[in-house]
Amino acid sequence: MRGFYGGVHVWGAFSLTGKFWARHFSAKLFVGGLSYDTNEPVLKAAFEKHGDILEVKVICDHKSGRSKGYGFVHFTSEAAATDALKEIDGQLLDGRNIRLQFAHER
């Protein structure tokens, strides 16, 4: 399968039980399952040991300003993002097990 990333077409397909699934290559991770008390400095501190970070964003409600329970961490490299995904996915952060996956660029 063919994907499009940063102006470059990327091939990254694998077969799983006879079907092909595309892997999206990215240096940006979606972080779900965040505590409503987790803020950007806490999220950055949890991820920065895996590589240089360009941006950390916790998505908040417009009116209340409270976290919606998810965010994004954008690394400078795919390798750092992959390392963080392998090491942190399912781990505890602020009392919650967080879920990670590669973010889909729009």
PDB file of N, CA and C in Angstrom:
ATOM      1  N   MET A   1       0.851  -1.174   0.000  1.00  0.00           N
ATOM      2  CA  MET A   1       0.000   0.000   0.000  1.00  0.00           C
ATOM      3  C   MET A   1       0.890   1.228   0.000  1.00  0.00           C
ATOM      4  N   ARG A   2       0.372   2.305  -0.500  1.00  0.00           N
ATOM      5  CA  ARG A   2       1.149   3.528  -0.624  1.00  0.00           C
ATOM      6  C   ARG A   2       0.524   4.607   0.238  1.00  0.00           C
ATOM      7  N   GLY A   3       1.363   5.335   0.951  1.00  0.00           N
ATOM      8  CA  GLY A   3       0.899   6.442   1.773  1.00  0.00           C
ATOM      9  C   GLY A   3       1.602   7.712   1.365  1.00  0.00           C
ATOM     10  N   PHE A   4       1.206   8.820   1.927  1.00  0.00           N
ATOM     11  CA  PHE A   4       1.791  10.117   1.598  1.00  0.00           C
ATOM     12  C   PHE A   4       2.220  10.761   2.899  1.00  0.00           C
ATOM     13  N   TYR A   5       3.490  11.094   3.032  1.00  0.00           N
ATOM     14  CA  TYR A   5       3.999  11.677   4.267  1.00  0.00           C
ATOM     15  C   TYR A   5       4.979  12.791   3.932  1.00  0.00           C
ATOM     16  N   GLY A   6       4.670  13.974   4.356  1.00  0.00           N
ATOM     17  CA  GLY A   6       5.569  15.107   4.206  1.00  0.00           C
ATOM     18  C   GLY A   6       6.044  15.350   2.785  1.00  0.00           C
ATOM     19  N   GLY A   7       5.159  15.170   1.814  1.00  0.00           N
ATOM     20  CA  GLY A   7       5.513  15.400   0.432  1.00  0.00           C
ATOM     21  C   GLY A   7       6.192  14.212  -0.239  1.00  0.00           C
ATOM     22  N   VAL A   8       6.348  13.111   0.495  1.00  0.00           N
ATOM     23  CA  VAL A   8       7.017  11.929  -0.039  1.00  0.00           C
ATOM     24  C   VAL A   8       6.074  10.740   0.086  1.00  0.00           C
ATOM     25  N   HIS A   9       5.976   9.970  -0.979  1.00  0.00           N
ATOM     26  CA  HIS A   9       5.182   8.752  -0.908  1.00  0.00           C
ATOM     27  C   HIS A   9       5.964   7.715  -0.128  1.00  0.00           C
ATOM     28  N   VAL A  10       5.287   7.030   0.778  1.00  0.00           N
ATOM     29  CA  VAL A  10       5.939   6.046   1.630  1.00  0.00           C
ATOM     30  C   VAL A  10       5.260   4.706   1.432  1.00  0.00           C
ATOM     31  N   TRP A  11       6.063   3.683   1.244  1.00  0.00           N
ATOM     32  CA  TRP A  11       5.526   2.334   1.142  1.00  0.00           C
ATOM     33  C   TRP A  11       5.775   1.651   2.467  1.00  0.00           C
ATOM     34  N   GLY A  12       4.766   1.041   3.028  1.00  0.00           N
ATOM     35  CA  GLY A  12       4.934   0.346   4.298  1.00  0.00           C
ATOM     36  C   GLY A  12       3.763  -0.561   4.556  1.00  0.00           C
ATOM     37  N   ALA A  13       3.647  -1.625   3.809  1.00  0.00           N
ATOM     38  CA  ALA A  13       2.520  -2.533   3.983  1.00  0.00           C
ATOM     39  C   ALA A  13       3.017  -3.865   4.516  1.00  0.00           C
ATOM     40  N   PHE A  14       2.178  -4.561   5.245  1.00  0.00           N
ATOM     41  CA  PHE A  14       2.500  -5.896   5.690  1.00  0.00           C
ATOM     42  C   PHE A  14       1.238  -6.735   5.643  1.00  0.00           C
ATOM     43  N   SER A  15       1.443  -8.024   5.581  1.00  0.00           N
ATOM     44  CA  SER A  15       0.317  -8.938   5.486  1.00  0.00           C
ATOM     45  C   SER A  15      -0.035  -9.461   6.867  1.00  0.00           C
ATOM     46  N   LEU A  16      -1.284  -9.418   7.213  1.00  0.00           N
ATOM     47  CA  LEU A  16      -1.781  -9.932   8.475  1.00  0.00           C
ATOM     48  C   LEU A  16      -2.983 -10.801   8.145  1.00  0.00           C
ATOM     49  N   THR A  17      -2.822 -12.087   8.307  1.00  0.00           N
ATOM     50  CA  THR A  17      -3.844 -13.077   7.950  1.00  0.00           C
ATOM     51  C   THR A  17      -4.361 -12.880   6.528  1.00  0.00           C
ATOM     52  N   GLY A  18      -3.425 -12.674   5.623  1.00  0.00           N
ATOM     53  CA  GLY A  18      -3.796 -12.582   4.211  1.00  0.00           C
ATOM     54  C   GLY A  18      -4.313 -11.229   3.769  1.00  0.00           C
ATOM     55  N   LYS A  19      -4.435 -10.284   4.653  1.00  0.00           N
ATOM     56  CA  LYS A  19      -4.903  -8.943   4.283  1.00  0.00           C
ATOM     57  C   LYS A  19      -3.752  -7.969   4.437  1.00  0.00           C
ATOM     58  N   PHE A  20      -3.771  -6.918   3.655  1.00  0.00           N
ATOM     59  CA  PHE A  20      -2.714  -5.923   3.735  1.00  0.00           C
ATOM     60  C   PHE A  20      -3.176  -4.717   4.545  1.00  0.00           C
ATOM     61  N   TRP A  21      -2.317  -4.298   5.439  1.00  0.00           N
ATOM     62  CA  TRP A  21      -2.576  -3.134   6.284  1.00  0.00           C
ATOM     63  C   TRP A  21      -1.417  -2.168   6.096  1.00  0.00           C
ATOM     64  N   ALA A  22      -1.698  -0.899   5.943  1.00  0.00           N
ATOM     65  CA  ALA A  22      -0.639   0.104   5.769  1.00  0.00           C
ATOM     66  C   ALA A  22      -0.200   0.627   7.122  1.00  0.00           C
ATOM     67  N   ARG A  23       1.092   0.837   7.285  1.00  0.00           N
ATOM     68  CA  ARG A  23       1.626   1.447   8.493  1.00  0.00           C
ATOM     69  C   ARG A  23       1.917   2.894   8.160  1.00  0.00           C
ATOM     70  N   HIS A  24       1.427   3.777   8.969  1.00  0.00           N
ATOM     71  CA  HIS A  24       1.640   5.201   8.749  1.00  0.00           C
ATOM     72  C   HIS A  24       2.934   5.618   9.441  1.00  0.00           C
ATOM     73  N   PHE A  25       3.909   6.081   8.678  1.00  0.00           N
ATOM     74  CA  PHE A  25       5.179   6.522   9.235  1.00  0.00           C
ATOM     75  C   PHE A  25       5.034   7.952   9.724  1.00  0.00           C
ATOM     76  N   SER A  26       5.412   8.187  10.988  1.00  0.00           N
ATOM     77  CA  SER A  26       5.252   9.512  11.549  1.00  0.00           C
ATOM     78  C   SER A  26       6.157   9.689  12.755  1.00  0.00           C
ATOM     79  N   ALA A  27       6.509  10.919  13.047  1.00  0.00           N
ATOM     80  CA  ALA A  27       7.263  11.245  14.252  1.00  0.00           C
ATOM     81  C   ALA A  27       6.327  11.828  15.307  1.00  0.00           C
ATOM     82  N   LYS A  28       5.033  11.807  15.027  1.00  0.00           N
ATOM     83  CA  LYS A  28       4.039  12.378  15.932  1.00  0.00           C
ATOM     84  C   LYS A  28       3.179  11.259  16.505  1.00  0.00           C
ATOM     85  N   LEU A  29       3.034  11.255  17.841  1.00  0.00           N
ATOM     86  CA  LEU A  29       2.246  10.238  18.522  1.00  0.00           C
ATOM     87  C   LEU A  29       0.962  10.818  19.092  1.00  0.00           C
ATOM     88  N   PHE A  30      -0.106  10.054  18.981  1.00  0.00           N
ATOM     89  CA  PHE A  30      -1.354  10.347  19.672  1.00  0.00           C
ATOM     90  C   PHE A  30      -1.249   9.678  21.034  1.00  0.00           C
ATOM     91  N   VAL A  31      -1.600  10.405  22.095  1.00  0.00           N
ATOM     92  CA  VAL A  31      -1.565   9.868  23.456  1.00  0.00           C
ATOM     93  C   VAL A  31      -2.976   9.920  24.013  1.00  0.00           C
ATOM     94  N   GLY A  32      -3.573   8.759  24.250  1.00  0.00           N
ATOM     95  CA  GLY A  32      -4.931   8.682  24.786  1.00  0.00           C
ATOM     96  C   GLY A  32      -4.928   8.153  26.208  1.00  0.00           C
ATOM     97  N   GLY A  33      -6.043   8.363  26.887  1.00  0.00           N
ATOM     98  CA  GLY A  33      -6.197   7.868  28.244  1.00  0.00           C
ATOM     99  C   GLY A  33      -5.513   8.722  29.293  1.00  0.00           C
ATOM    100  N   LEU A  34      -5.229   9.984  28.956  1.00  0.00           N
ATOM    101  CA  LEU A  34      -4.579  10.879  29.913  1.00  0.00           C
ATOM    102  C   LEU A  34      -5.511  11.235  31.055  1.00  0.00           C
ATOM    103  N   SER A  35      -4.934  11.429  32.215  1.00  0.00           N
ATOM    104  CA  SER A  35      -5.682  11.962  33.346  1.00  0.00           C
ATOM    105  C   SER A  35      -6.096  13.394  33.004  1.00  0.00           C
ATOM    106  N   TYR A  36      -7.228  13.823  33.536  1.00  0.00           N
ATOM    107  CA  TYR A  36      -7.665  15.197  33.289  1.00  0.00           C
ATOM    108  C   TYR A  36      -6.740  16.205  33.964  1.00  0.00           C
ATOM    109  N   ASP A  37      -5.880  15.727  34.854  1.00  0.00           N
ATOM    110  CA  ASP A  37      -4.923  16.599  35.540  1.00  0.00           C
ATOM    111  C   ASP A  37      -3.575  16.685  34.832  1.00  0.00           C
ATOM    112  N   THR A  38      -3.353  15.854  33.819  1.00  0.00           N
ATOM    113  CA  THR A  38      -2.075  15.863  33.098  1.00  0.00           C
ATOM    114  C   THR A  38      -1.986  17.110  32.216  1.00  0.00           C
ATOM    115  N   ASN A  39      -0.874  17.832  32.370  1.00  0.00           N
ATOM    116  CA  ASN A  39      -0.667  19.031  31.554  1.00  0.00           C
ATOM    117  C   ASN A  39       0.539  18.821  30.633  1.00  0.00           C
ATOM    118  N   GLU A  40       0.858  19.810  29.829  1.00  0.00           N
ATOM    119  CA  GLU A  40       1.925  19.677  28.840  1.00  0.00           C
ATOM    120  C   GLU A  40       3.308  19.471  29.452  1.00  0.00           C
ATOM    121  N   PRO A  41       3.692  20.183  30.534  1.00  0.00           N
ATOM    122  CA  PRO A  41       5.010  19.911  31.134  1.00  0.00           C
ATOM    123  C   PRO A  41       5.143  18.474  31.661  1.00  0.00           C
ATOM    124  N   VAL A  42       4.077  17.925  32.229  1.00  0.00           N
ATOM    125  CA  VAL A  42       4.108  16.545  32.727  1.00  0.00           C
ATOM    126  C   VAL A  42       4.246  15.568  31.567  1.00  0.00           C
ATOM    127  N   LEU A  43       3.493  15.808  30.493  1.00  0.00           N
ATOM    128  CA  LEU A  43       3.552  14.939  29.320  1.00  0.00           C
ATOM    129  C   LEU A  43       4.940  15.005  28.679  1.00  0.00           C
ATOM    130  N   LYS A  44       5.504  16.188  28.568  1.00  0.00           N
ATOM    131  CA  LYS A  44       6.839  16.344  27.988  1.00  0.00           C
ATOM    132  C   LYS A  44       7.877  15.611  28.822  1.00  0.00           C
ATOM    133  N   ALA A  45       7.806  15.741  30.131  1.00  0.00           N
ATOM    134  CA  ALA A  45       8.769  15.081  31.021  1.00  0.00           C
ATOM    135  C   ALA A  45       8.723  13.563  30.875  1.00  0.00           C
ATOM    136  N   ALA A  46       7.547  13.016  30.633  1.00  0.00           N
ATOM    137  CA  ALA A  46       7.398  11.572  30.486  1.00  0.00           C
ATOM    138  C   ALA A  46       7.996  11.049  29.185  1.00  0.00           C
ATOM    139  N   PHE A  47       8.072  11.892  28.162  1.00  0.00           N
ATOM    140  CA  PHE A  47       8.507  11.456  26.839  1.00  0.00           C
ATOM    141  C   PHE A  47       9.911  11.903  26.449  1.00  0.00           C
ATOM    142  N   GLU A  48      10.458  12.931  27.067  1.00  0.00           N
ATOM    143  CA  GLU A  48      11.696  13.525  26.576  1.00  0.00           C
ATOM    144  C   GLU A  48      12.923  12.631  26.695  1.00  0.00           C
ATOM    145  N   LYS A  49      12.877  11.596  27.525  1.00  0.00           N
ATOM    146  CA  LYS A  49      14.041  10.700  27.608  1.00  0.00           C
ATOM    147  C   LYS A  49      14.181   9.822  26.359  1.00  0.00           C
ATOM    148  N   HIS A  50      13.156   9.806  25.499  1.00  0.00           N
ATOM    149  CA  HIS A  50      13.183   8.985  24.299  1.00  0.00           C
ATOM    150  C   HIS A  50      13.680   9.741  23.069  1.00  0.00           C
ATOM    151  N   GLY A  51      13.879  11.040  23.190  1.00  0.00           N
ATOM    152  CA  GLY A  51      14.397  11.812  22.068  1.00  0.00           C
ATOM    153  C   GLY A  51      13.974  13.261  22.134  1.00  0.00           C
ATOM    154  N   ASP A  52      14.491  14.042  21.197  1.00  0.00           N
ATOM    155  CA  ASP A  52      14.172  15.470  21.139  1.00  0.00           C
ATOM    156  C   ASP A  52      12.729  15.661  20.691  1.00  0.00           C
ATOM    157  N   ILE A  53      12.043  16.571  21.365  1.00  0.00           N
ATOM    158  CA  ILE A  53      10.623  16.827  21.114  1.00  0.00           C
ATOM    159  C   ILE A  53      10.453  18.199  20.475  1.00  0.00           C
ATOM    160  N   LEU A  54       9.653  18.239  19.408  1.00  0.00           N
ATOM    161  CA  LEU A  54       9.320  19.512  18.761  1.00  0.00           C
ATOM    162  C   LEU A  54       8.157  20.198  19.456  1.00  0.00           C
ATOM    163  N   GLU A  55       7.141  19.412  19.816  1.00  0.00           N
ATOM    164  CA  GLU A  55       5.921  19.996  20.378  1.00  0.00           C
ATOM    165  C   GLU A  55       5.172  18.964  21.211  1.00  0.00           C
ATOM    166  N   VAL A  56       4.575  19.447  22.290  1.00  0.00           N
ATOM    167  CA  VAL A  56       3.684  18.642  23.130  1.00  0.00           C
ATOM    168  C   VAL A  56       2.382  19.413  23.251  1.00  0.00           C
ATOM    169  N   LYS A  57       1.267  18.742  23.035  1.00  0.00           N
ATOM    170  CA  LYS A  57      -0.033  19.412  23.084  1.00  0.00           C
ATOM    171  C   LYS A  57      -1.037  18.524  23.804  1.00  0.00           C
ATOM    172  N   VAL A  58      -1.620  19.043  24.886  1.00  0.00           N
ATOM    173  CA  VAL A  58      -2.744  18.396  25.550  1.00  0.00           C
ATOM    174  C   VAL A  58      -3.992  19.123  25.082  1.00  0.00           C
ATOM    175  N   ILE A  59      -4.952  18.384  24.548  1.00  0.00           N
ATOM    176  CA  ILE A  59      -6.167  18.992  24.013  1.00  0.00           C
ATOM    177  C   ILE A  59      -7.126  19.299  25.158  1.00  0.00           C
ATOM    178  N   CYS A  60      -7.572  20.567  25.204  1.00  0.00           N
ATOM    179  CA  CYS A  60      -8.431  21.028  26.299  1.00  0.00           C
ATOM    180  C   CYS A  60      -9.776  21.515  25.783  1.00  0.00           C
ATOM    181  N   ASP A  61     -10.774  21.465  26.657  1.00  0.00           N
ATOM    182  CA  ASP A  61     -12.107  21.978  26.359  1.00  0.00           C
ATOM    183  C   ASP A  61     -12.050  23.500  26.264  1.00  0.00           C
ATOM    184  N   HIS A  62     -12.760  24.071  25.281  1.00  0.00           N
ATOM    185  CA  HIS A  62     -12.735  25.530  25.068  1.00  0.00           C
ATOM    186  C   HIS A  62     -13.262  26.302  26.270  1.00  0.00           C
ATOM    187  N   LYS A  63     -14.356  25.830  26.813  1.00  0.00           N
ATOM    188  CA  LYS A  63     -15.013  26.585  27.890  1.00  0.00           C
ATOM    189  C   LYS A  63     -14.373  26.372  29.254  1.00  0.00           C
ATOM    190  N   SER A  64     -14.170  25.112  29.637  1.00  0.00           N
ATOM    191  CA  SER A  64     -13.682  24.831  30.986  1.00  0.00           C
ATOM    192  C   SER A  64     -12.163  24.911  31.092  1.00  0.00           C
ATOM    193  N   GLY A  65     -11.456  24.714  29.979  1.00  0.00           N
ATOM    194  CA  GLY A  65     -10.003  24.705  30.004  1.00  0.00           C
ATOM    195  C   GLY A  65      -9.414  23.397  30.503  1.00  0.00           C
ATOM    196  N   ARG A  66     -10.261  22.433  30.865  1.00  0.00           N
ATOM    197  CA  ARG A  66      -9.804  21.123  31.342  1.00  0.00           C
ATOM    198  C   ARG A  66      -9.395  20.235  30.175  1.00  0.00           C
ATOM    199  N   SER A  67      -8.461  19.356  30.472  1.00  0.00           N
ATOM    200  CA  SER A  67      -8.007  18.392  29.475  1.00  0.00           C
ATOM    201  C   SER A  67      -9.165  17.502  29.034  1.00  0.00           C
ATOM    202  N   LYS A  68      -9.159  17.134  27.757  1.00  0.00           N
ATOM    203  CA  LYS A  68     -10.154  16.194  27.238  1.00  0.00           C
ATOM    204  C   LYS A  68      -9.667  14.752  27.368  1.00  0.00           C
ATOM    205  N   GLY A  69      -8.470  14.554  27.908  1.00  0.00           N
ATOM    206  CA  GLY A  69      -7.952  13.212  28.137  1.00  0.00           C
ATOM    207  C   GLY A  69      -7.080  12.656  27.026  1.00  0.00           C
ATOM    208  N   TYR A  70      -6.670  13.525  26.093  1.00  0.00           N
ATOM    209  CA  TYR A  70      -5.756  13.065  25.046  1.00  0.00           C
ATOM    210  C   TYR A  70      -4.865  14.209  24.593  1.00  0.00           C
ATOM    211  N   GLY A  71      -3.796  13.843  23.896  1.00  0.00           N
ATOM    212  CA  GLY A  71      -2.871  14.853  23.414  1.00  0.00           C
ATOM    213  C   GLY A  71      -1.950  14.286  22.362  1.00  0.00           C
ATOM    214  N   PHE A  72      -0.921  15.053  22.018  1.00  0.00           N
ATOM    215  CA  PHE A  72       0.027  14.675  20.974  1.00  0.00           C
ATOM    216  C   PHE A  72       1.436  15.024  21.408  1.00  0.00           C
ATOM    217  N   VAL A  73       2.386  14.173  21.019  1.00  0.00           N
ATOM    218  CA  VAL A  73       3.806  14.436  21.231  1.00  0.00           C
ATOM    219  C   VAL A  73       4.476  14.303  19.876  1.00  0.00           C
ATOM    220  N   HIS A  74       5.137  15.371  19.432  1.00  0.00           N
ATOM    221  CA  HIS A  74       5.794  15.389  18.127  1.00  0.00           C
ATOM    222  C   HIS A  74       7.300  15.380  18.331  1.00  0.00           C
ATOM    223  N   PHE A  75       7.944  14.286  17.939  1.00  0.00           N
ATOM    224  CA  PHE A  75       9.387  14.126  18.057  1.00  0.00           C
ATOM    225  C   PHE A  75      10.088  14.663  16.806  1.00  0.00           C
ATOM    226  N   THR A  76      11.400  14.825  16.910  1.00  0.00           N
ATOM    227  CA  THR A  76      12.182  15.273  15.759  1.00  0.00           C
ATOM    228  C   THR A  76      12.483  14.125  14.804  1.00  0.00           C
ATOM    229  N   SER A  77      12.282  12.880  15.255  1.00  0.00           N
ATOM    230  CA  SER A  77      12.572  11.737  14.384  1.00  0.00           C
ATOM    231  C   SER A  77      11.569  10.604  14.593  1.00  0.00           C
ATOM    232  N   GLU A  78      11.404   9.814  13.531  1.00  0.00           N
ATOM    233  CA  GLU A  78      10.554   8.624  13.615  1.00  0.00           C
ATOM    234  C   GLU A  78      11.121   7.617  14.600  1.00  0.00           C
ATOM    235  N   ALA A  79      12.446   7.516  14.655  1.00  0.00           N
ATOM    236  CA  ALA A  79      13.089   6.554  15.556  1.00  0.00           C
ATOM    237  C   ALA A  79      12.754   6.853  17.010  1.00  0.00           C
ATOM    238  N   ALA A  80      12.773   8.122  17.386  1.00  0.00           N
ATOM    239  CA  ALA A  80      12.441   8.505  18.758  1.00  0.00           C
ATOM    240  C   ALA A  80      10.973   8.205  19.060  1.00  0.00           C
ATOM    241  N   ALA A  81      10.098   8.494  18.104  1.00  0.00           N
ATOM    242  CA  ALA A  81       8.669   8.220  18.288  1.00  0.00           C
ATOM    243  C   ALA A  81       8.419   6.724  18.421  1.00  0.00           C
ATOM    244  N   THR A  82       9.090   5.932  17.612  1.00  0.00           N
ATOM    245  CA  THR A  82       8.939   4.478  17.668  1.00  0.00           C
ATOM    246  C   THR A  82       9.431   3.938  18.999  1.00  0.00           C
ATOM    247  N   ASP A  83      10.555   4.445  19.472  1.00  0.00           N
ATOM    248  CA  ASP A  83      11.096   4.029  20.770  1.00  0.00           C
ATOM    249  C   ASP A  83      10.118   4.359  21.895  1.00  0.00           C
ATOM    250  N   ALA A  84       9.587   5.571  21.881  1.00  0.00           N
ATOM    251  CA  ALA A  84       8.620   5.977  22.905  1.00  0.00           C
ATOM    252  C   ALA A  84       7.373   5.105  22.848  1.00  0.00           C
ATOM    253  N   LEU A  85       6.880   4.815  21.652  1.00  0.00           N
ATOM    254  CA  LEU A  85       5.693   3.976  21.491  1.00  0.00           C
ATOM    255  C   LEU A  85       5.922   2.606  22.120  1.00  0.00           C
ATOM    256  N   LYS A  86       7.071   2.007  21.849  1.00  0.00           N
ATOM    257  CA  LYS A  86       7.379   0.675  22.385  1.00  0.00           C
ATOM    258  C   LYS A  86       7.522   0.679  23.901  1.00  0.00           C
ATOM    259  N   GLU A  87       8.134   1.724  24.444  1.00  0.00           N
ATOM    260  CA  GLU A  87       8.440   1.765  25.873  1.00  0.00           C
ATOM    261  C   GLU A  87       7.304   2.281  26.751  1.00  0.00           C
ATOM    262  N   ILE A  88       6.496   3.209  26.257  1.00  0.00           N
ATOM    263  CA  ILE A  88       5.528   3.900  27.117  1.00  0.00           C
ATOM    264  C   ILE A  88       4.095   3.407  26.939  1.00  0.00           C
ATOM    265  N   ASP A  89       3.760   2.840  25.791  1.00  0.00           N
ATOM    266  CA  ASP A  89       2.380   2.399  25.555  1.00  0.00           C
ATOM    267  C   ASP A  89       1.912   1.461  26.663  1.00  0.00           C
ATOM    268  N   GLY A  90       0.806   1.800  27.293  1.00  0.00           N
ATOM    269  CA  GLY A  90       0.235   0.987  28.358  1.00  0.00           C
ATOM    270  C   GLY A  90       0.774   1.275  29.752  1.00  0.00           C
ATOM    271  N   GLN A  91       1.757   2.176  29.851  1.00  0.00           N
ATOM    272  CA  GLN A  91       2.350   2.505  31.143  1.00  0.00           C
ATOM    273  C   GLN A  91       1.501   3.524  31.902  1.00  0.00           C
ATOM    274  N   LEU A  92       1.754   3.635  33.198  1.00  0.00           N
ATOM    275  CA  LEU A  92       1.034   4.586  34.045  1.00  0.00           C
ATOM    276  C   LEU A  92       1.609   5.994  33.919  1.00  0.00           C
ATOM    277  N   LEU A  93       0.730   6.958  33.816  1.00  0.00           N
ATOM    278  CA  LEU A  93       1.099   8.376  33.865  1.00  0.00           C
ATOM    279  C   LEU A  93      -0.009   9.088  34.628  1.00  0.00           C
ATOM    280  N   ASP A  94       0.340   9.713  35.727  1.00  0.00           N
ATOM    281  CA  ASP A  94      -0.649  10.388  36.593  1.00  0.00           C
ATOM    282  C   ASP A  94      -1.799   9.450  36.977  1.00  0.00           C
ATOM    283  N   GLY A  95      -1.461   8.185  37.257  1.00  0.00           N
ATOM    284  CA  GLY A  95      -2.458   7.235  37.731  1.00  0.00           C
ATOM    285  C   GLY A  95      -3.321   6.584  36.660  1.00  0.00           C
ATOM    286  N   ARG A  96      -3.033   6.838  35.375  1.00  0.00           N
ATOM    287  CA  ARG A  96      -3.814   6.248  34.276  1.00  0.00           C
ATOM    288  C   ARG A  96      -2.898   5.518  33.314  1.00  0.00           C
ATOM    289  N   ASN A  97      -3.380   4.400  32.774  1.00  0.00           N
ATOM    290  CA  ASN A  97      -2.639   3.696  31.727  1.00  0.00           C
ATOM    291  C   ASN A  97      -2.879   4.418  30.411  1.00  0.00           C
ATOM    292  N   ILE A  98      -1.814   4.929  29.821  1.00  0.00           N
ATOM    293  CA  ILE A  98      -1.959   5.690  28.580  1.00  0.00           C
ATOM    294  C   ILE A  98      -1.800   4.771  27.377  1.00  0.00           C
ATOM    295  N   ARG A  99      -2.445   5.151  26.286  1.00  0.00           N
ATOM    296  CA  ARG A  99      -2.393   4.407  25.029  1.00  0.00           C
ATOM    297  C   ARG A  99      -1.738   5.290  23.969  1.00  0.00           C
ATOM    298  N   LEU A 100      -0.824   4.711  23.223  1.00  0.00           N
ATOM    299  CA  LEU A 100      -0.116   5.457  22.184  1.00  0.00           C
ATOM    300  C   LEU A 100      -0.334   4.822  20.829  1.00  0.00           C
ATOM    301  N   GLN A 101      -0.368   5.668  19.816  1.00  0.00           N
ATOM    302  CA  GLN A 101      -0.350   5.210  18.431  1.00  0.00           C
ATOM    303  C   GLN A 101       0.187   6.351  17.575  1.00  0.00           C
ATOM    304  N   PHE A 102       0.658   5.987  16.379  1.00  0.00           N
ATOM    305  CA  PHE A 102       1.134   7.029  15.471  1.00  0.00           C
ATOM    306  C   PHE A 102      -0.036   7.916  15.082  1.00  0.00           C
ATOM    307  N   ALA A 103       0.175   9.229  15.126  1.00  0.00           N
ATOM    308  CA  ALA A 103      -0.860  10.186  14.750  1.00  0.00           C
ATOM    309  C   ALA A 103      -1.022  10.193  13.230  1.00  0.00           C
ATOM    310  N   HIS A 104      -2.233  10.366  12.764  1.00  0.00           N
ATOM    311  CA  HIS A 104      -2.504  10.461  11.335  1.00  0.00           C
ATOM    312  C   HIS A 104      -2.530  11.921  10.935  1.00  0.00           C
ATOM    313  N   GLU A 105      -1.650  12.283  10.019  1.00  0.00           N
ATOM    314  CA  GLU A 105      -1.594  13.660   9.535  1.00  0.00           C
ATOM    315  C   GLU A 105      -2.791  13.941   8.649  1.00  0.00           C
ATOM    316  N   ARG A 106      -3.313  15.123   8.741  1.00  0.00           N
ATOM    317  CA  ARG A 106      -4.444  15.507   7.893  1.00  0.00           C
ATOM    318  C   ARG A 106      -3.980  16.353   6.758  1.00  0.00           C
TER     319      ARG A 106
END
